[in-house]
């Protein structure tokens, strides 16, 4: 599924108007995660975590790759500390919500 990018001019920041920026969109607001198995799992996860944990660690993910048939889940986060927290404290809730048997969390710093 292609991600629709909203481009914003960087001219107001003093750069050439041939440059643009794509602003970060939280996971829960992205069109690609609004329906299907990922959307359902995110709803279950929202119920298992506190609002603060969901906003800080899940909504800030860069990408979610999920294969429900194989029970594999890959989460890509932008900070190593977020990877550590998801792998440690949030792992059980994430695996339960996604019904994942195999979880891999990587940071793209």
N, C-alpha and C. Protein backbone atom coordinates (compact mmCIF):
# COMPACT_ATOMS: atom_id res chain seq x y z
N UNK A 1 0.84 -1.16 0.00
CA UNK A 1 0.00 0.00 0.00
C UNK A 1 0.89 1.24 0.00
N UNK A 2 0.67 2.15 -0.90
CA UNK A 2 1.48 3.36 -1.01
C UNK A 2 1.07 4.37 0.05
N UNK A 3 2.04 5.07 0.55
CA UNK A 3 1.78 6.10 1.54
C UNK A 3 1.65 7.43 0.79
N UNK A 4 0.56 8.13 1.02
CA UNK A 4 0.37 9.43 0.42
C UNK A 4 1.13 10.44 1.26
N UNK A 5 2.04 11.17 0.63
CA UNK A 5 2.85 12.13 1.36
C UNK A 5 2.35 13.55 1.11
N UNK A 6 2.21 14.28 2.18
CA UNK A 6 1.85 15.68 2.06
C UNK A 6 3.14 16.48 2.13
N UNK A 7 3.45 17.16 1.03
CA UNK A 7 4.69 17.91 0.94
C UNK A 7 4.48 19.35 1.39
N UNK A 8 5.44 19.85 2.15
CA UNK A 8 5.38 21.22 2.65
C UNK A 8 6.62 21.96 2.18
N UNK A 9 6.42 23.16 1.69
CA UNK A 9 7.53 23.99 1.19
C UNK A 9 8.48 24.33 2.33
N UNK A 10 9.75 24.43 2.01
CA UNK A 10 10.75 24.85 3.00
C UNK A 10 11.20 26.28 2.75
N UNK A 11 10.53 26.97 1.82
CA UNK A 11 10.90 28.34 1.47
C UNK A 11 10.83 29.26 2.68
N UNK A 12 9.81 29.08 3.54
CA UNK A 12 9.67 29.94 4.72
C UNK A 12 10.80 29.74 5.73
N UNK A 13 11.56 28.66 5.58
CA UNK A 13 12.71 28.41 6.44
C UNK A 13 14.01 28.88 5.82
N UNK A 14 13.90 29.54 4.65
CA UNK A 14 15.09 30.08 4.01
C UNK A 14 15.75 29.15 3.01
N UNK A 15 15.12 28.03 2.71
CA UNK A 15 15.67 27.10 1.73
C UNK A 15 15.03 27.34 0.36
N UNK A 16 15.61 26.77 -0.64
CA UNK A 16 15.05 26.85 -1.99
C UNK A 16 13.67 26.22 -1.98
N UNK A 17 12.76 26.78 -2.77
CA UNK A 17 11.42 26.20 -2.82
C UNK A 17 11.38 24.90 -3.63
N UNK A 18 12.54 24.47 -4.14
CA UNK A 18 12.59 23.16 -4.79
C UNK A 18 12.72 22.04 -3.76
N UNK A 19 13.05 22.40 -2.51
CA UNK A 19 13.09 21.44 -1.41
C UNK A 19 11.73 21.38 -0.74
N UNK A 20 11.42 20.25 -0.16
CA UNK A 20 10.18 20.12 0.58
C UNK A 20 10.43 19.22 1.78
N UNK A 21 9.52 19.29 2.72
CA UNK A 21 9.59 18.39 3.87
C UNK A 21 8.29 17.63 3.97
N UNK A 22 8.39 16.43 4.51
CA UNK A 22 7.22 15.60 4.78
C UNK A 22 7.13 15.50 6.29
N UNK A 23 6.07 16.04 6.85
CA UNK A 23 5.92 16.06 8.31
C UNK A 23 5.48 14.70 8.84
N UNK A 24 5.96 14.38 10.03
CA UNK A 24 5.64 13.10 10.66
C UNK A 24 4.16 13.04 11.01
N UNK A 25 3.55 11.90 10.73
CA UNK A 25 2.15 11.65 11.05
C UNK A 25 2.12 10.47 12.03
N UNK A 26 1.47 10.63 13.19
CA UNK A 26 1.39 9.52 14.14
C UNK A 26 0.73 8.28 13.52
N UNK A 27 1.12 7.12 14.00
CA UNK A 27 0.60 5.85 13.49
C UNK A 27 -0.93 5.84 13.47
N UNK A 28 -1.55 6.28 14.55
CA UNK A 28 -3.01 6.20 14.64
C UNK A 28 -3.72 7.13 13.65
N UNK A 29 -3.02 8.06 13.04
CA UNK A 29 -3.62 8.98 12.07
C UNK A 29 -3.30 8.63 10.62
N UNK A 30 -2.45 7.63 10.39
CA UNK A 30 -2.06 7.29 9.02
C UNK A 30 -3.13 6.47 8.33
N UNK A 31 -3.41 6.83 7.09
CA UNK A 31 -4.46 6.16 6.31
C UNK A 31 -4.20 4.66 6.17
N UNK A 32 -2.96 4.27 6.02
CA UNK A 32 -2.63 2.86 5.80
C UNK A 32 -2.93 1.97 7.00
N UNK A 33 -3.11 2.56 8.18
CA UNK A 33 -3.39 1.78 9.39
C UNK A 33 -4.81 1.99 9.90
N UNK A 34 -5.73 2.42 9.05
CA UNK A 34 -7.09 2.70 9.49
C UNK A 34 -8.04 1.52 9.37
N UNK A 35 -7.63 0.48 8.65
CA UNK A 35 -8.48 -0.70 8.54
C UNK A 35 -7.62 -1.94 8.38
N UNK A 36 -8.24 -3.08 8.61
CA UNK A 36 -7.52 -4.33 8.46
C UNK A 36 -6.93 -4.82 9.76
N UNK A 37 -6.08 -5.86 9.67
CA UNK A 37 -5.54 -6.50 10.88
C UNK A 37 -4.69 -5.56 11.74
N UNK A 38 -3.94 -4.66 11.11
CA UNK A 38 -3.11 -3.74 11.91
C UNK A 38 -4.00 -2.79 12.70
N UNK A 39 -5.04 -2.25 12.08
CA UNK A 39 -5.95 -1.33 12.77
C UNK A 39 -6.61 -2.02 13.96
N UNK A 40 -7.03 -3.27 13.76
CA UNK A 40 -7.67 -4.01 14.85
C UNK A 40 -6.69 -4.26 16.00
N UNK A 41 -5.46 -4.61 15.65
CA UNK A 41 -4.45 -4.86 16.67
C UNK A 41 -4.10 -3.58 17.42
N UNK A 42 -4.03 -2.47 16.70
CA UNK A 42 -3.73 -1.19 17.36
C UNK A 42 -4.83 -0.81 18.34
N UNK A 43 -6.08 -1.09 18.00
CA UNK A 43 -7.18 -0.83 18.93
C UNK A 43 -7.06 -1.68 20.18
N UNK A 44 -6.72 -2.95 20.01
CA UNK A 44 -6.52 -3.83 21.18
C UNK A 44 -5.35 -3.32 22.02
N UNK A 45 -4.28 -2.90 21.35
CA UNK A 45 -3.10 -2.42 22.07
C UNK A 45 -3.40 -1.13 22.83
N UNK A 46 -4.20 -0.27 22.24
CA UNK A 46 -4.59 0.99 22.91
C UNK A 46 -5.30 0.69 24.23
N UNK A 47 -6.07 -0.40 24.27
CA UNK A 47 -6.78 -0.78 25.49
C UNK A 47 -5.84 -1.37 26.54
N UNK A 48 -4.75 -1.99 26.09
CA UNK A 48 -3.81 -2.65 27.01
C UNK A 48 -2.79 -1.69 27.62
N UNK A 49 -2.48 -0.61 26.91
CA UNK A 49 -1.47 0.33 27.37
C UNK A 49 -2.12 1.58 27.94
N UNK A 50 -1.34 2.32 28.69
CA UNK A 50 -1.83 3.62 29.14
C UNK A 50 -1.81 4.57 27.94
N UNK A 51 -2.57 5.64 28.03
CA UNK A 51 -2.61 6.62 26.94
C UNK A 51 -1.21 7.19 26.67
N UNK A 52 -0.47 7.44 27.75
CA UNK A 52 0.88 7.99 27.61
C UNK A 52 1.82 7.00 26.90
N UNK A 53 1.77 5.73 27.28
CA UNK A 53 2.63 4.72 26.64
C UNK A 53 2.29 4.59 25.15
N UNK A 54 1.01 4.55 24.84
CA UNK A 54 0.62 4.42 23.44
C UNK A 54 1.11 5.62 22.63
N UNK A 55 0.89 6.82 23.16
CA UNK A 55 1.30 8.04 22.45
C UNK A 55 2.81 8.13 22.28
N UNK A 56 3.54 7.75 23.32
CA UNK A 56 5.00 7.91 23.29
C UNK A 56 5.72 6.83 22.49
N UNK A 57 5.27 5.61 22.57
CA UNK A 57 6.01 4.51 21.95
C UNK A 57 5.36 3.93 20.69
N UNK A 58 4.05 3.86 20.64
CA UNK A 58 3.38 3.24 19.49
C UNK A 58 3.05 4.28 18.42
N UNK A 59 2.46 5.38 18.81
CA UNK A 59 2.11 6.42 17.83
C UNK A 59 3.34 7.02 17.16
N UNK A 60 4.50 6.88 17.76
CA UNK A 60 5.73 7.45 17.21
C UNK A 60 6.51 6.47 16.32
N UNK A 61 5.96 5.28 16.10
CA UNK A 61 6.65 4.31 15.23
C UNK A 61 6.76 4.84 13.81
N UNK A 62 7.85 4.48 13.16
CA UNK A 62 8.04 4.86 11.76
C UNK A 62 7.28 3.92 10.84
N UNK A 63 7.23 2.64 11.21
CA UNK A 63 6.61 1.65 10.33
C UNK A 63 6.18 0.43 11.13
N UNK A 64 5.11 -0.22 10.66
CA UNK A 64 4.65 -1.49 11.21
C UNK A 64 4.51 -2.45 10.04
N UNK A 65 5.21 -3.57 10.11
CA UNK A 65 5.05 -4.65 9.13
C UNK A 65 4.50 -5.85 9.90
N UNK A 66 3.39 -6.39 9.41
CA UNK A 66 2.69 -7.44 10.16
C UNK A 66 2.22 -8.52 9.20
N UNK A 67 2.56 -9.76 9.52
CA UNK A 67 2.08 -10.92 8.78
C UNK A 67 1.26 -11.75 9.76
N UNK A 68 -0.07 -11.52 9.78
CA UNK A 68 -0.89 -12.22 10.76
C UNK A 68 -0.91 -13.73 10.58
N UNK A 69 -0.78 -14.22 9.36
CA UNK A 69 -0.81 -15.66 9.12
C UNK A 69 0.40 -16.36 9.75
N UNK A 70 1.55 -15.71 9.69
CA UNK A 70 2.77 -16.29 10.25
C UNK A 70 3.02 -15.82 11.68
N UNK A 71 2.23 -14.85 12.16
CA UNK A 71 2.42 -14.34 13.52
C UNK A 71 3.70 -13.53 13.67
N UNK A 72 4.14 -12.88 12.57
CA UNK A 72 5.38 -12.08 12.61
C UNK A 72 5.06 -10.59 12.61
N UNK A 73 5.77 -9.86 13.46
CA UNK A 73 5.57 -8.43 13.60
C UNK A 73 6.92 -7.74 13.63
N UNK A 74 7.06 -6.71 12.80
CA UNK A 74 8.27 -5.87 12.78
C UNK A 74 7.84 -4.44 13.06
N UNK A 75 8.44 -3.85 14.08
CA UNK A 75 8.18 -2.45 14.42
C UNK A 75 9.47 -1.68 14.21
N UNK A 76 9.37 -0.55 13.52
CA UNK A 76 10.53 0.30 13.29
C UNK A 76 10.29 1.61 14.03
N UNK A 77 11.20 1.93 14.92
CA UNK A 77 11.08 3.13 15.73
C UNK A 77 12.24 4.07 15.44
N UNK A 78 12.09 5.33 15.84
CA UNK A 78 13.14 6.30 15.52
C UNK A 78 14.15 6.51 16.64
N UNK A 79 13.92 5.90 17.79
CA UNK A 79 14.84 6.07 18.91
C UNK A 79 15.18 4.73 19.54
N UNK A 80 16.42 4.56 19.90
CA UNK A 80 16.87 3.33 20.55
C UNK A 80 16.16 3.11 21.88
N UNK A 81 15.92 4.18 22.63
CA UNK A 81 15.24 4.04 23.92
C UNK A 81 13.81 3.53 23.72
N UNK A 82 13.16 3.92 22.63
CA UNK A 82 11.82 3.40 22.33
C UNK A 82 11.89 1.91 22.00
N UNK A 83 12.91 1.51 21.25
CA UNK A 83 13.09 0.09 20.94
C UNK A 83 13.25 -0.70 22.23
N UNK A 84 14.07 -0.20 23.12
CA UNK A 84 14.33 -0.86 24.40
C UNK A 84 13.04 -1.00 25.22
N UNK A 85 12.24 0.06 25.27
CA UNK A 85 11.01 0.03 26.05
C UNK A 85 9.99 -0.95 25.45
N UNK A 86 9.88 -0.95 24.12
CA UNK A 86 8.92 -1.87 23.48
C UNK A 86 9.38 -3.31 23.67
N UNK A 87 10.67 -3.56 23.48
CA UNK A 87 11.21 -4.92 23.65
C UNK A 87 11.07 -5.40 25.08
N UNK A 88 11.17 -4.49 26.03
CA UNK A 88 11.13 -4.86 27.43
C UNK A 88 9.75 -4.75 28.03
N UNK A 89 9.41 -3.58 28.49
CA UNK A 89 8.18 -3.37 29.27
C UNK A 89 6.89 -3.59 28.47
N UNK A 90 6.88 -3.28 27.17
CA UNK A 90 5.64 -3.36 26.40
C UNK A 90 5.51 -4.63 25.56
N UNK A 91 6.52 -5.46 25.56
CA UNK A 91 6.56 -6.64 24.68
C UNK A 91 5.32 -7.55 24.84
N UNK A 92 4.98 -7.87 26.05
CA UNK A 92 3.86 -8.78 26.29
C UNK A 92 2.56 -8.21 25.72
N UNK A 93 2.29 -6.94 25.96
CA UNK A 93 1.06 -6.31 25.47
C UNK A 93 1.05 -6.24 23.95
N UNK A 94 2.18 -5.90 23.34
CA UNK A 94 2.27 -5.81 21.89
C UNK A 94 2.01 -7.18 21.26
N UNK A 95 2.67 -8.21 21.78
CA UNK A 95 2.47 -9.56 21.24
C UNK A 95 1.04 -10.03 21.42
N UNK A 96 0.45 -9.72 22.55
CA UNK A 96 -0.94 -10.11 22.80
C UNK A 96 -1.89 -9.39 21.83
N UNK A 97 -1.73 -8.10 21.67
CA UNK A 97 -2.61 -7.32 20.80
C UNK A 97 -2.53 -7.77 19.34
N UNK A 98 -1.32 -8.05 18.88
CA UNK A 98 -1.12 -8.45 17.49
C UNK A 98 -1.19 -9.97 17.30
N UNK A 99 -1.30 -10.70 18.40
CA UNK A 99 -1.25 -12.16 18.35
C UNK A 99 0.01 -12.62 17.61
N UNK A 100 1.11 -11.95 17.96
CA UNK A 100 2.39 -12.20 17.31
C UNK A 100 3.20 -13.22 18.10
N UNK A 101 3.73 -14.19 17.39
CA UNK A 101 4.62 -15.18 18.00
C UNK A 101 6.08 -14.74 17.84
N UNK A 102 6.32 -13.90 16.86
CA UNK A 102 7.68 -13.41 16.59
C UNK A 102 7.63 -11.90 16.48
N UNK A 103 8.33 -11.22 17.39
CA UNK A 103 8.38 -9.76 17.40
C UNK A 103 9.81 -9.31 17.21
N UNK A 104 10.01 -8.40 16.29
CA UNK A 104 11.32 -7.77 16.12
C UNK A 104 11.10 -6.26 16.13
N UNK A 105 11.89 -5.58 16.93
CA UNK A 105 11.82 -4.12 17.03
C UNK A 105 13.19 -3.58 16.68
N UNK A 106 13.25 -2.67 15.72
CA UNK A 106 14.52 -2.07 15.33
C UNK A 106 14.39 -0.55 15.41
N UNK A 107 15.51 0.09 15.68
CA UNK A 107 15.52 1.55 15.69
C UNK A 107 16.28 2.03 14.47
N UNK A 108 15.75 3.07 13.88
CA UNK A 108 16.36 3.67 12.69
C UNK A 108 16.82 5.05 13.10
N UNK A 109 17.96 5.10 13.71
CA UNK A 109 18.46 6.38 14.22
C UNK A 109 19.44 7.01 13.25
